[in-house]
């Protein structure tokens, strides 16, 4: 699972560089997120704009990543494609996560 990271105005942006988060990569995804979050204490935005498919394992990995975030940090999501957004809405995870329509929206939103 490949990620690219960028810091912008105190915001950590993590872009998933894959078109799928599914059972084949879910454990690796969670492990990589754990490494990035180990001592993070601010807003982290997970940019999912390149992800066109997510299954229950992928969704579980994102939820697990959120739970791994230290209490002083916050994991937000941005750029969900329509298929990924549908999974979040169907499972009601859209009520758990702060979801931004785009990375630009996330950057402009102050939490």
PDB file of N, CA and C in Angstrom:
ATOM      1  N   UNK A   1       0.858  -1.175   0.000  1.00  0.00           N
ATOM      2  CA  UNK A   1       0.000   0.000   0.000  1.00  0.00           C
ATOM      3  C   UNK A   1       0.894   1.225   0.000  1.00  0.00           C
ATOM      4  N   UNK A   2       0.721   2.049  -1.007  1.00  0.00           N
ATOM      5  CA  UNK A   2       1.535   3.259  -1.124  1.00  0.00           C
ATOM      6  C   UNK A   2       0.744   4.485  -0.680  1.00  0.00           C
ATOM      7  N   UNK A   3       1.444   5.355   0.032  1.00  0.00           N
ATOM      8  CA  UNK A   3       0.894   6.628   0.481  1.00  0.00           C
ATOM      9  C   UNK A   3       1.861   7.725   0.077  1.00  0.00           C
ATOM     10  N   UNK A   4       1.340   8.905  -0.115  1.00  0.00           N
ATOM     11  CA  UNK A   4       2.203  10.079  -0.176  1.00  0.00           C
ATOM     12  C   UNK A   4       1.729  10.995   0.943  1.00  0.00           C
ATOM     13  N   UNK A   5       2.662  11.712   1.536  1.00  0.00           N
ATOM     14  CA  UNK A   5       2.310  12.592   2.645  1.00  0.00           C
ATOM     15  C   UNK A   5       2.814  13.995   2.371  1.00  0.00           C
ATOM     16  N   UNK A   6       2.091  14.943   2.929  1.00  0.00           N
ATOM     17  CA  UNK A   6       2.438  16.351   2.767  1.00  0.00           C
ATOM     18  C   UNK A   6       1.944  17.096   3.990  1.00  0.00           C
ATOM     19  N   UNK A   7       2.728  18.031   4.459  1.00  0.00           N
ATOM     20  CA  UNK A   7       2.285  18.899   5.550  1.00  0.00           C
ATOM     21  C   UNK A   7       1.985  20.260   4.956  1.00  0.00           C
ATOM     22  N   UNK A   8       0.827  20.783   5.328  1.00  0.00           N
ATOM     23  CA  UNK A   8       0.410  22.070   4.804  1.00  0.00           C
ATOM     24  C   UNK A   8      -0.325  22.828   5.899  1.00  0.00           C
ATOM     25  N   UNK A   9       0.249  23.925   6.344  1.00  0.00           N
ATOM     26  CA  UNK A   9      -0.370  24.767   7.366  1.00  0.00           C
ATOM     27  C   UNK A   9      -0.788  23.973   8.602  1.00  0.00           C
ATOM     28  N   UNK A  10       0.090  23.104   9.087  1.00  0.00           N
ATOM     29  CA  UNK A  10      -0.196  22.327  10.282  1.00  0.00           C
ATOM     30  C   UNK A  10      -1.108  21.142  10.060  1.00  0.00           C
ATOM     31  N   UNK A  11      -1.448  20.869   8.823  1.00  0.00           N
ATOM     32  CA  UNK A  11      -2.331  19.759   8.472  1.00  0.00           C
ATOM     33  C   UNK A  11      -1.501  18.672   7.812  1.00  0.00           C
ATOM     34  N   UNK A  12      -1.626  17.463   8.289  1.00  0.00           N
ATOM     35  CA  UNK A  12      -0.941  16.320   7.684  1.00  0.00           C
ATOM     36  C   UNK A  12      -1.897  15.711   6.653  1.00  0.00           C
ATOM     37  N   UNK A  13      -1.471  15.685   5.407  1.00  0.00           N
ATOM     38  CA  UNK A  13      -2.290  15.133   4.334  1.00  0.00           C
ATOM     39  C   UNK A  13      -1.672  13.813   3.907  1.00  0.00           C
ATOM     40  N   UNK A  14      -2.457  12.749   3.988  1.00  0.00           N
ATOM     41  CA  UNK A  14      -2.010  11.423   3.593  1.00  0.00           C
ATOM     42  C   UNK A  14      -2.871  10.991   2.407  1.00  0.00           C
ATOM     43  N   UNK A  15      -2.240  10.845   1.252  1.00  0.00           N
ATOM     44  CA  UNK A  15      -2.969  10.447   0.047  1.00  0.00           C
ATOM     45  C   UNK A  15      -2.734   8.963  -0.199  1.00  0.00           C
ATOM     46  N   UNK A  16      -3.817   8.218  -0.336  1.00  0.00           N
ATOM     47  CA  UNK A  16      -3.719   6.800  -0.667  1.00  0.00           C
ATOM     48  C   UNK A  16      -3.452   6.708  -2.162  1.00  0.00           C
ATOM     49  N   UNK A  17      -2.316   6.117  -2.513  1.00  0.00           N
ATOM     50  CA  UNK A  17      -1.894   6.009  -3.907  1.00  0.00           C
ATOM     51  C   UNK A  17      -2.267   4.624  -4.454  1.00  0.00           C
ATOM     52  N   UNK A  18      -3.551   4.297  -4.362  1.00  0.00           N
ATOM     53  CA  UNK A  18      -4.046   3.007  -4.839  1.00  0.00           C
ATOM     54  C   UNK A  18      -5.503   3.182  -5.246  1.00  0.00           C
ATOM     55  N   UNK A  19      -5.970   2.317  -6.124  1.00  0.00           N
ATOM     56  CA  UNK A  19      -7.365   2.449  -6.542  1.00  0.00           C
ATOM     57  C   UNK A  19      -8.307   1.558  -5.728  1.00  0.00           C
ATOM     58  N   UNK A  20      -7.741   0.710  -4.851  1.00  0.00           N
ATOM     59  CA  UNK A  20      -8.573  -0.183  -4.045  1.00  0.00           C
ATOM     60  C   UNK A  20      -8.033  -0.273  -2.620  1.00  0.00           C
ATOM     61  N   UNK A  21      -8.950  -0.322  -1.669  1.00  0.00           N
ATOM     62  CA  UNK A  21      -8.606  -0.712  -0.304  1.00  0.00           C
ATOM     63  C   UNK A  21      -9.532  -1.890  -0.012  1.00  0.00           C
ATOM     64  N   UNK A  22      -8.970  -3.076  -0.099  1.00  0.00           N
ATOM     65  CA  UNK A  22      -9.765  -4.290   0.066  1.00  0.00           C
ATOM     66  C   UNK A  22      -9.022  -5.281   0.951  1.00  0.00           C
ATOM     67  N   UNK A  23      -9.539  -6.505   1.035  1.00  0.00           N
ATOM     68  CA  UNK A  23      -8.963  -7.520   1.915  1.00  0.00           C
ATOM     69  C   UNK A  23      -7.490  -7.779   1.616  1.00  0.00           C
ATOM     70  N   UNK A  24      -7.100  -7.645   0.363  1.00  0.00           N
ATOM     71  CA  UNK A  24      -5.716  -7.926  -0.023  1.00  0.00           C
ATOM     72  C   UNK A  24      -4.715  -6.935   0.573  1.00  0.00           C
ATOM     73  N   UNK A  25      -5.155  -5.732   0.878  1.00  0.00           N
ATOM     74  CA  UNK A  25      -4.234  -4.692   1.364  1.00  0.00           C
ATOM     75  C   UNK A  25      -4.618  -4.114   2.722  1.00  0.00           C
ATOM     76  N   UNK A  26      -5.724  -4.560   3.295  1.00  0.00           N
ATOM     77  CA  UNK A  26      -6.249  -3.941   4.517  1.00  0.00           C
ATOM     78  C   UNK A  26      -5.261  -4.002   5.679  1.00  0.00           C
ATOM     79  N   UNK A  27      -4.619  -5.120   5.891  1.00  0.00           N
ATOM     80  CA  UNK A  27      -3.689  -5.239   7.017  1.00  0.00           C
ATOM     81  C   UNK A  27      -2.484  -4.332   6.806  1.00  0.00           C
ATOM     82  N   UNK A  28      -1.957  -4.319   5.583  1.00  0.00           N
ATOM     83  CA  UNK A  28      -0.831  -3.441   5.272  1.00  0.00           C
ATOM     84  C   UNK A  28      -1.223  -1.982   5.435  1.00  0.00           C
ATOM     85  N   UNK A  29      -2.431  -1.630   4.993  1.00  0.00           N
ATOM     86  CA  UNK A  29      -2.948  -0.268   5.139  1.00  0.00           C
ATOM     87  C   UNK A  29      -2.942   0.130   6.618  1.00  0.00           C
ATOM     88  N   UNK A  30      -3.522  -0.724   7.451  1.00  0.00           N
ATOM     89  CA  UNK A  30      -3.624  -0.422   8.879  1.00  0.00           C
ATOM     90  C   UNK A  30      -2.238  -0.291   9.511  1.00  0.00           C
ATOM     91  N   UNK A  31      -1.320  -1.179   9.145  1.00  0.00           N
ATOM     92  CA  UNK A  31       0.039  -1.110   9.690  1.00  0.00           C
ATOM     93  C   UNK A  31       0.743   0.176   9.294  1.00  0.00           C
ATOM     94  N   UNK A  32       0.608   0.572   8.046  1.00  0.00           N
ATOM     95  CA  UNK A  32       1.237   1.807   7.575  1.00  0.00           C
ATOM     96  C   UNK A  32       0.631   3.024   8.265  1.00  0.00           C
ATOM     97  N   UNK A  33      -0.685   3.024   8.431  1.00  0.00           N
ATOM     98  CA  UNK A  33      -1.335   4.135   9.124  1.00  0.00           C
ATOM     99  C   UNK A  33      -0.874   4.192  10.582  1.00  0.00           C
ATOM    100  N   UNK A  34      -0.711   3.047  11.219  1.00  0.00           N
ATOM    101  CA  UNK A  34      -0.245   3.007  12.609  1.00  0.00           C
ATOM    102  C   UNK A  34       1.126   3.676  12.713  1.00  0.00           C
ATOM    103  N   UNK A  35       2.005   3.377  11.766  1.00  0.00           N
ATOM    104  CA  UNK A  35       3.335   3.991  11.756  1.00  0.00           C
ATOM    105  C   UNK A  35       3.244   5.513  11.652  1.00  0.00           C
ATOM    106  N   UNK A  36       2.382   5.991  10.761  1.00  0.00           N
ATOM    107  CA  UNK A  36       2.266   7.436  10.552  1.00  0.00           C
ATOM    108  C   UNK A  36       1.618   8.150  11.736  1.00  0.00           C
ATOM    109  N   UNK A  37       0.738   7.454  12.449  1.00  0.00           N
ATOM    110  CA  UNK A  37      -0.021   8.091  13.518  1.00  0.00           C
ATOM    111  C   UNK A  37       0.604   7.945  14.895  1.00  0.00           C
ATOM    112  N   UNK A  38       1.654   7.179  15.015  1.00  0.00           N
ATOM    113  CA  UNK A  38       2.156   6.781  16.328  1.00  0.00           C
ATOM    114  C   UNK A  38       2.298   7.935  17.316  1.00  0.00           C
ATOM    115  N   UNK A  39       2.746   9.085  16.860  1.00  0.00           N
ATOM    116  CA  UNK A  39       2.879  10.211  17.793  1.00  0.00           C
ATOM    117  C   UNK A  39       2.351  11.501  17.181  1.00  0.00           C
ATOM    118  N   UNK A  40       1.362  11.369  16.330  1.00  0.00           N
ATOM    119  CA  UNK A  40       0.792  12.536  15.680  1.00  0.00           C
ATOM    120  C   UNK A  40      -0.228  13.196  16.594  1.00  0.00           C
ATOM    121  N   UNK A  41      -0.266  14.523  16.607  1.00  0.00           N
ATOM    122  CA  UNK A  41      -1.165  15.202  17.541  1.00  0.00           C
ATOM    123  C   UNK A  41      -1.932  16.357  16.910  1.00  0.00           C
ATOM    124  N   UNK A  42      -2.289  16.243  15.664  1.00  0.00           N
ATOM    125  CA  UNK A  42      -3.049  17.305  15.016  1.00  0.00           C
ATOM    126  C   UNK A  42      -4.104  16.720  14.098  1.00  0.00           C
ATOM    127  N   UNK A  43      -4.503  17.515  13.124  1.00  0.00           N
ATOM    128  CA  UNK A  43      -5.462  17.045  12.127  1.00  0.00           C
ATOM    129  C   UNK A  43      -4.722  16.292  11.028  1.00  0.00           C
ATOM    130  N   UNK A  44      -5.206  15.113  10.733  1.00  0.00           N
ATOM    131  CA  UNK A  44      -4.683  14.328   9.632  1.00  0.00           C
ATOM    132  C   UNK A  44      -5.840  14.076   8.683  1.00  0.00           C
ATOM    133  N   UNK A  45      -5.618  14.379   7.406  1.00  0.00           N
ATOM    134  CA  UNK A  45      -6.652  14.150   6.405  1.00  0.00           C
ATOM    135  C   UNK A  45      -6.206  13.008   5.504  1.00  0.00           C
ATOM    136  N   UNK A  46      -7.043  12.004   5.411  1.00  0.00           N
ATOM    137  CA  UNK A  46      -6.790  10.873   4.533  1.00  0.00           C
ATOM    138  C   UNK A  46      -7.482  11.171   3.204  1.00  0.00           C
ATOM    139  N   UNK A  47      -6.673  11.425   2.179  1.00  0.00           N
ATOM    140  CA  UNK A  47      -7.186  11.762   0.846  1.00  0.00           C
ATOM    141  C   UNK A  47      -7.466  10.466   0.099  1.00  0.00           C
ATOM    142  N   UNK A  48      -8.735  10.195  -0.154  1.00  0.00           N
ATOM    143  CA  UNK A  48      -9.157   8.959  -0.815  1.00  0.00           C
ATOM    144  C   UNK A  48      -9.582   9.200  -2.266  1.00  0.00           C
ATOM    145  N   UNK A  49      -9.163  10.300  -2.842  1.00  0.00           N
ATOM    146  CA  UNK A  49      -9.622  10.664  -4.187  1.00  0.00           C
ATOM    147  C   UNK A  49      -9.172   9.701  -5.278  1.00  0.00           C
ATOM    148  N   UNK A  50      -8.134   8.907  -5.025  1.00  0.00           N
ATOM    149  CA  UNK A  50      -7.653   7.945  -6.027  1.00  0.00           C
ATOM    150  C   UNK A  50      -8.225   6.549  -5.812  1.00  0.00           C
ATOM    151  N   UNK A  51      -9.000   6.384  -4.735  1.00  0.00           N
ATOM    152  CA  UNK A  51      -9.563   5.077  -4.395  1.00  0.00           C
ATOM    153  C   UNK A  51     -10.948   4.951  -5.034  1.00  0.00           C
ATOM    154  N   UNK A  52     -11.096   3.981  -5.917  1.00  0.00           N
ATOM    155  CA  UNK A  52     -12.380   3.797  -6.594  1.00  0.00           C
ATOM    156  C   UNK A  52     -13.189   2.634  -6.027  1.00  0.00           C
ATOM    157  N   UNK A  53     -12.559   1.824  -5.159  1.00  0.00           N
ATOM    158  CA  UNK A  53     -13.261   0.677  -4.582  1.00  0.00           C
ATOM    159  C   UNK A  53     -12.794   0.448  -3.158  1.00  0.00           C
ATOM    160  N   UNK A  54     -13.755   0.175  -2.290  1.00  0.00           N
ATOM    161  CA  UNK A  54     -13.439  -0.199  -0.911  1.00  0.00           C
ATOM    162  C   UNK A  54     -14.428  -1.277  -0.507  1.00  0.00           C
ATOM    163  N   UNK A  55     -13.925  -2.322   0.160  1.00  0.00           N
ATOM    164  CA  UNK A  55     -14.821  -3.353   0.664  1.00  0.00           C
ATOM    165  C   UNK A  55     -14.874  -3.268   2.185  1.00  0.00           C
ATOM    166  N   UNK A  56     -15.539  -4.233   2.813  1.00  0.00           N
ATOM    167  CA  UNK A  56     -15.698  -4.176   4.268  1.00  0.00           C
ATOM    168  C   UNK A  56     -14.354  -4.254   4.998  1.00  0.00           C
ATOM    169  N   UNK A  57     -13.401  -4.983   4.437  1.00  0.00           N
ATOM    170  CA  UNK A  57     -12.071  -5.050   5.052  1.00  0.00           C
ATOM    171  C   UNK A  57     -11.383  -3.697   4.996  1.00  0.00           C
ATOM    172  N   UNK A  58     -11.514  -3.022   3.872  1.00  0.00           N
ATOM    173  CA  UNK A  58     -10.931  -1.690   3.725  1.00  0.00           C
ATOM    174  C   UNK A  58     -11.586  -0.688   4.663  1.00  0.00           C
ATOM    175  N   UNK A  59     -12.900  -0.759   4.741  1.00  0.00           N
ATOM    176  CA  UNK A  59     -13.624   0.126   5.655  1.00  0.00           C
ATOM    177  C   UNK A  59     -13.186  -0.141   7.094  1.00  0.00           C
ATOM    178  N   UNK A  60     -13.064  -1.412   7.434  1.00  0.00           N
ATOM    179  CA  UNK A  60     -12.610  -1.775   8.775  1.00  0.00           C
ATOM    180  C   UNK A  60     -11.209  -1.259   9.066  1.00  0.00           C
ATOM    181  N   UNK A  61     -10.345  -1.270   8.052  1.00  0.00           N
ATOM    182  CA  UNK A  61      -8.981  -0.771   8.231  1.00  0.00           C
ATOM    183  C   UNK A  61      -8.965   0.729   8.482  1.00  0.00           C
ATOM    184  N   UNK A  62      -9.838   1.459   7.811  1.00  0.00           N
ATOM    185  CA  UNK A  62      -9.919   2.911   8.028  1.00  0.00           C
ATOM    186  C   UNK A  62     -10.476   3.204   9.425  1.00  0.00           C
ATOM    187  N   UNK A  63     -11.487   2.452   9.838  1.00  0.00           N
ATOM    188  CA  UNK A  63     -12.036   2.621  11.186  1.00  0.00           C
ATOM    189  C   UNK A  63     -10.967   2.283  12.225  1.00  0.00           C
ATOM    190  N   UNK A  64     -10.225   1.204  11.999  1.00  0.00           N
ATOM    191  CA  UNK A  64      -9.150   0.826  12.925  1.00  0.00           C
ATOM    192  C   UNK A  64      -8.100   1.927  12.989  1.00  0.00           C
ATOM    193  N   UNK A  65      -7.784   2.528  11.848  1.00  0.00           N
ATOM    194  CA  UNK A  65      -6.810   3.622  11.823  1.00  0.00           C
ATOM    195  C   UNK A  65      -7.307   4.792  12.659  1.00  0.00           C
ATOM    196  N   UNK A  66      -8.598   5.095  12.544  1.00  0.00           N
ATOM    197  CA  UNK A  66      -9.169   6.180  13.334  1.00  0.00           C
ATOM    198  C   UNK A  66      -9.011   5.882  14.831  1.00  0.00           C
ATOM    199  N   UNK A  67      -9.231   4.640  15.210  1.00  0.00           N
ATOM    200  CA  UNK A  67      -9.116   4.262  16.619  1.00  0.00           C
ATOM    201  C   UNK A  67      -7.671   4.299  17.108  1.00  0.00           C
ATOM    202  N   UNK A  68      -6.719   4.161  16.190  1.00  0.00           N
ATOM    203  CA  UNK A  68      -5.292   4.210  16.546  1.00  0.00           C
ATOM    204  C   UNK A  68      -4.787   5.636  16.742  1.00  0.00           C
ATOM    205  N   UNK A  69      -5.547   6.606  16.249  1.00  0.00           N
ATOM    206  CA  UNK A  69      -5.130   7.999  16.353  1.00  0.00           C
ATOM    207  C   UNK A  69      -5.047   8.395  17.825  1.00  0.00           C
ATOM    208  N   UNK A  70      -3.918   8.985  18.226  1.00  0.00           N
ATOM    209  CA  UNK A  70      -3.813   9.455  19.620  1.00  0.00           C
ATOM    210  C   UNK A  70      -4.950  10.426  19.951  1.00  0.00           C
ATOM    211  N   UNK A  71      -5.283  10.519  21.219  1.00  0.00           N
ATOM    212  CA  UNK A  71      -6.397  11.362  21.665  1.00  0.00           C
ATOM    213  C   UNK A  71      -6.221  12.822  21.266  1.00  0.00           C
ATOM    214  N   UNK A  72      -4.991  13.253  21.064  1.00  0.00           N
ATOM    215  CA  UNK A  72      -4.733  14.648  20.700  1.00  0.00           C
ATOM    216  C   UNK A  72      -4.814  14.884  19.190  1.00  0.00           C
ATOM    217  N   UNK A  73      -5.125  13.840  18.432  1.00  0.00           N
ATOM    218  CA  UNK A  73      -5.216  13.969  16.980  1.00  0.00           C
ATOM    219  C   UNK A  73      -6.619  13.707  16.477  1.00  0.00           C
ATOM    220  N   UNK A  74      -6.805  13.990  15.189  1.00  0.00           N
ATOM    221  CA  UNK A  74      -8.105  13.759  14.574  1.00  0.00           C
ATOM    222  C   UNK A  74      -7.888  13.305  13.137  1.00  0.00           C
ATOM    223  N   UNK A  75      -8.543  12.209  12.759  1.00  0.00           N
ATOM    224  CA  UNK A  75      -8.472  11.699  11.401  1.00  0.00           C
ATOM    225  C   UNK A  75      -9.730  12.107  10.648  1.00  0.00           C
ATOM    226  N   UNK A  76      -9.544  12.810   9.536  1.00  0.00           N
ATOM    227  CA  UNK A  76     -10.643  13.227   8.685  1.00  0.00           C
ATOM    228  C   UNK A  76     -10.437  12.616   7.300  1.00  0.00           C
ATOM    229  N   UNK A  77     -11.489  12.562   6.517  1.00  0.00           N
ATOM    230  CA  UNK A  77     -11.425  11.986   5.177  1.00  0.00           C
ATOM    231  C   UNK A  77     -11.760  13.049   4.146  1.00  0.00           C
ATOM    232  N   UNK A  78     -11.180  12.903   2.953  1.00  0.00           N
ATOM    233  CA  UNK A  78     -11.468  13.863   1.887  1.00  0.00           C
ATOM    234  C   UNK A  78     -11.449  13.168   0.537  1.00  0.00           C
ATOM    235  N   UNK A  79     -12.213  13.725  -0.383  1.00  0.00           N
ATOM    236  CA  UNK A  79     -12.172  13.309  -1.778  1.00  0.00           C
ATOM    237  C   UNK A  79     -12.741  11.935  -2.066  1.00  0.00           C
ATOM    238  N   UNK A  80     -13.755  11.515  -1.347  1.00  0.00           N
ATOM    239  CA  UNK A  80     -14.324  10.200  -1.591  1.00  0.00           C
ATOM    240  C   UNK A  80     -14.969  10.135  -2.975  1.00  0.00           C
ATOM    241  N   UNK A  81     -14.603   9.114  -3.734  1.00  0.00           N
ATOM    242  CA  UNK A  81     -15.258   8.900  -5.027  1.00  0.00           C
ATOM    243  C   UNK A  81     -16.688   8.433  -4.747  1.00  0.00           C
ATOM    244  N   UNK A  82     -17.542   8.439  -5.744  1.00  0.00           N
ATOM    245  CA  UNK A  82     -18.949   8.105  -5.505  1.00  0.00           C
ATOM    246  C   UNK A  82     -19.126   6.699  -4.946  1.00  0.00           C
ATOM    247  N   UNK A  83     -18.358   5.724  -5.439  1.00  0.00           N
ATOM    248  CA  UNK A  83     -18.490   4.352  -4.937  1.00  0.00           C
ATOM    249  C   UNK A  83     -18.043   4.251  -3.486  1.00  0.00           C
ATOM    250  N   UNK A  84     -16.961   4.922  -3.127  1.00  0.00           N
ATOM    251  CA  UNK A  84     -16.460   4.886  -1.757  1.00  0.00           C
ATOM    252  C   UNK A  84     -17.413   5.647  -0.834  1.00  0.00           C
ATOM    253  N   UNK A  85     -17.901   6.787  -1.291  1.00  0.00           N
ATOM    254  CA  UNK A  85     -18.865   7.564  -0.513  1.00  0.00           C
ATOM    255  C   UNK A  85     -20.117   6.731  -0.226  1.00  0.00           C
ATOM    256  N   UNK A  86     -20.558   5.975  -1.204  1.00  0.00           N
ATOM    257  CA  UNK A  86     -21.748   5.136  -1.037  1.00  0.00           C
ATOM    258  C   UNK A  86     -21.543   4.115   0.084  1.00  0.00           C
ATOM    259  N   UNK A  87     -20.362   3.506   0.156  1.00  0.00           N
ATOM    260  CA  UNK A  87     -20.062   2.540   1.219  1.00  0.00           C
ATOM    261  C   UNK A  87     -20.115   3.227   2.583  1.00  0.00           C
ATOM    262  N   UNK A  88     -19.531   4.423   2.682  1.00  0.00           N
ATOM    263  CA  UNK A  88     -19.553   5.147   3.953  1.00  0.00           C
ATOM    264  C   UNK A  88     -20.977   5.523   4.351  1.00  0.00           C
ATOM    265  N   UNK A  89     -21.799   5.922   3.389  1.00  0.00           N
ATOM    266  CA  UNK A  89     -23.187   6.285   3.715  1.00  0.00           C
ATOM    267  C   UNK A  89     -24.015   5.054   4.079  1.00  0.00           C
ATOM    268  N   UNK A  90     -23.848   3.960   3.319  1.00  0.00           N
ATOM    269  CA  UNK A  90     -24.628   2.744   3.584  1.00  0.00           C
ATOM    270  C   UNK A  90     -24.329   2.152   4.953  1.00  0.00           C
ATOM    271  N   UNK A  91     -23.094   2.296   5.407  1.00  0.00           N
ATOM    272  CA  UNK A  91     -22.699   1.752   6.711  1.00  0.00           C
ATOM    273  C   UNK A  91     -22.817   2.790   7.827  1.00  0.00           C
ATOM    274  N   UNK A  92     -23.244   3.971   7.459  1.00  0.00           N
ATOM    275  CA  UNK A  92     -23.407   5.098   8.382  1.00  0.00           C
ATOM    276  C   UNK A  92     -22.095   5.576   8.999  1.00  0.00           C
ATOM    277  N   UNK A  93     -21.006   5.233   8.372  1.00  0.00           N
ATOM    278  CA  UNK A  93     -19.702   5.712   8.835  1.00  0.00           C
ATOM    279  C   UNK A  93     -19.531   7.197   8.516  1.00  0.00           C
ATOM    280  N   UNK A  94     -20.387   7.724   7.665  1.00  0.00           N
ATOM    281  CA  UNK A  94     -20.343   9.159   7.384  1.00  0.00           C
ATOM    282  C   UNK A  94     -20.750   9.975   8.612  1.00  0.00           C
ATOM    283  N   UNK A  95     -21.382   9.321   9.582  1.00  0.00           N
ATOM    284  CA  UNK A  95     -21.736  10.024  10.818  1.00  0.00           C
ATOM    285  C   UNK A  95     -20.611   9.925  11.858  1.00  0.00           C
ATOM    286  N   UNK A  96     -19.634   9.077  11.607  1.00  0.00           N
ATOM    287  CA  UNK A  96     -18.520   8.883  12.521  1.00  0.00           C
ATOM    288  C   UNK A  96     -17.328   9.759  12.133  1.00  0.00           C
ATOM    289  N   UNK A  97     -17.079   9.851  10.829  1.00  0.00           N
ATOM    290  CA  UNK A  97     -15.939  10.603  10.316  1.00  0.00           C
ATOM    291  C   UNK A  97     -16.352  11.992   9.855  1.00  0.00           C
ATOM    292  N   UNK A  98     -15.436  12.928   9.955  1.00  0.00           N
ATOM    293  CA  UNK A  98     -15.598  14.206   9.272  1.00  0.00           C
ATOM    294  C   UNK A  98     -15.154  13.957   7.842  1.00  0.00           C
ATOM    295  N   UNK A  99     -16.061  14.171   6.896  1.00  0.00           N
ATOM    296  CA  UNK A  99     -15.771  13.898   5.490  1.00  0.00           C
ATOM    297  C   UNK A  99     -15.888  15.202   4.705  1.00  0.00           C
ATOM    298  N   UNK A 100     -14.819  15.521   3.993  1.00  0.00           N
ATOM    299  CA  UNK A 100     -14.775  16.720   3.163  1.00  0.00           C
ATOM    300  C   UNK A 100     -14.915  16.317   1.696  1.00  0.00           C
ATOM    301  N   UNK A 101     -15.618  17.122   0.933  1.00  0.00           N
ATOM    302  CA  UNK A 101     -15.832  16.820  -0.485  1.00  0.00           C
ATOM    303  C   UNK A 101     -14.511  16.748  -1.255  1.00  0.00           C
ATOM    304  N   UNK A 102     -13.559  17.559  -0.851  1.00  0.00           N
ATOM    305  CA  UNK A 102     -12.272  17.584  -1.546  1.00  0.00           C
ATOM    306  C   UNK A 102     -11.170  17.932  -0.555  1.00  0.00           C
ATOM    307  N   UNK A 103      -9.957  17.757  -1.000  1.00  0.00           N
ATOM    308  CA  UNK A 103      -8.804  18.127  -0.177  1.00  0.00           C
ATOM    309  C   UNK A 103      -8.786  19.617   0.078  1.00  0.00           C
ATOM    310  N   UNK A 104      -9.171  20.394  -0.923  1.00  0.00           N
ATOM    311  CA  UNK A 104      -9.245  21.861  -0.778  1.00  0.00           C
ATOM    312  C   UNK A 104     -10.226  22.239   0.323  1.00  0.00           C
ATOM    313  N   UNK A 105     -11.390  21.558   0.346  1.00  0.00           N
ATOM    314  CA  UNK A 105     -12.364  21.817   1.408  1.00  0.00           C
ATOM    315  C   UNK A 105     -11.786  21.489   2.782  1.00  0.00           C
ATOM    316  N   UNK A 106     -11.051  20.388   2.873  1.00  0.00           N
ATOM    317  CA  UNK A 106     -10.438  19.999   4.142  1.00  0.00           C
ATOM    318  C   UNK A 106      -9.417  21.030   4.595  1.00  0.00           C
ATOM    319  N   UNK A 107      -8.638  21.532   3.655  1.00  0.00           N
ATOM    320  CA  UNK A 107      -7.617  22.538   3.977  1.00  0.00           C
ATOM    321  C   UNK A 107      -8.245  23.830   4.474  1.00  0.00           C
ATOM    322  N   UNK A 108      -9.409  24.181   3.957  1.00  0.00           N
ATOM    323  CA  UNK A 108     -10.079  25.420   4.323  1.00  0.00           C
ATOM    324  C   UNK A 108     -10.884  25.301   5.608  1.00  0.00           C
ATOM    325  N   UNK A 109     -11.149  24.064   6.032  1.00  0.00           N
ATOM    326  CA  UNK A 109     -11.971  23.819   7.208  1.00  0.00           C
ATOM    327  C   UNK A 109     -11.073  23.798   8.451  1.00  0.00           C
ATOM    328  N   UNK A 110     -11.351  24.646   9.375  1.00  0.00           N
ATOM    329  CA  UNK A 110     -10.582  24.667  10.629  1.00  0.00           C
ATOM    330  C   UNK A 110     -11.383  23.923  11.689  1.00  0.00           C
ATOM    331  N   UNK A 111     -10.766  22.912  12.261  1.00  0.00           N
ATOM    332  CA  UNK A 111     -11.444  22.161  13.332  1.00  0.00           C
ATOM    333  C   UNK A 111     -11.047  22.688  14.688  1.00  0.00           C
TER     334      UNK A 111
END
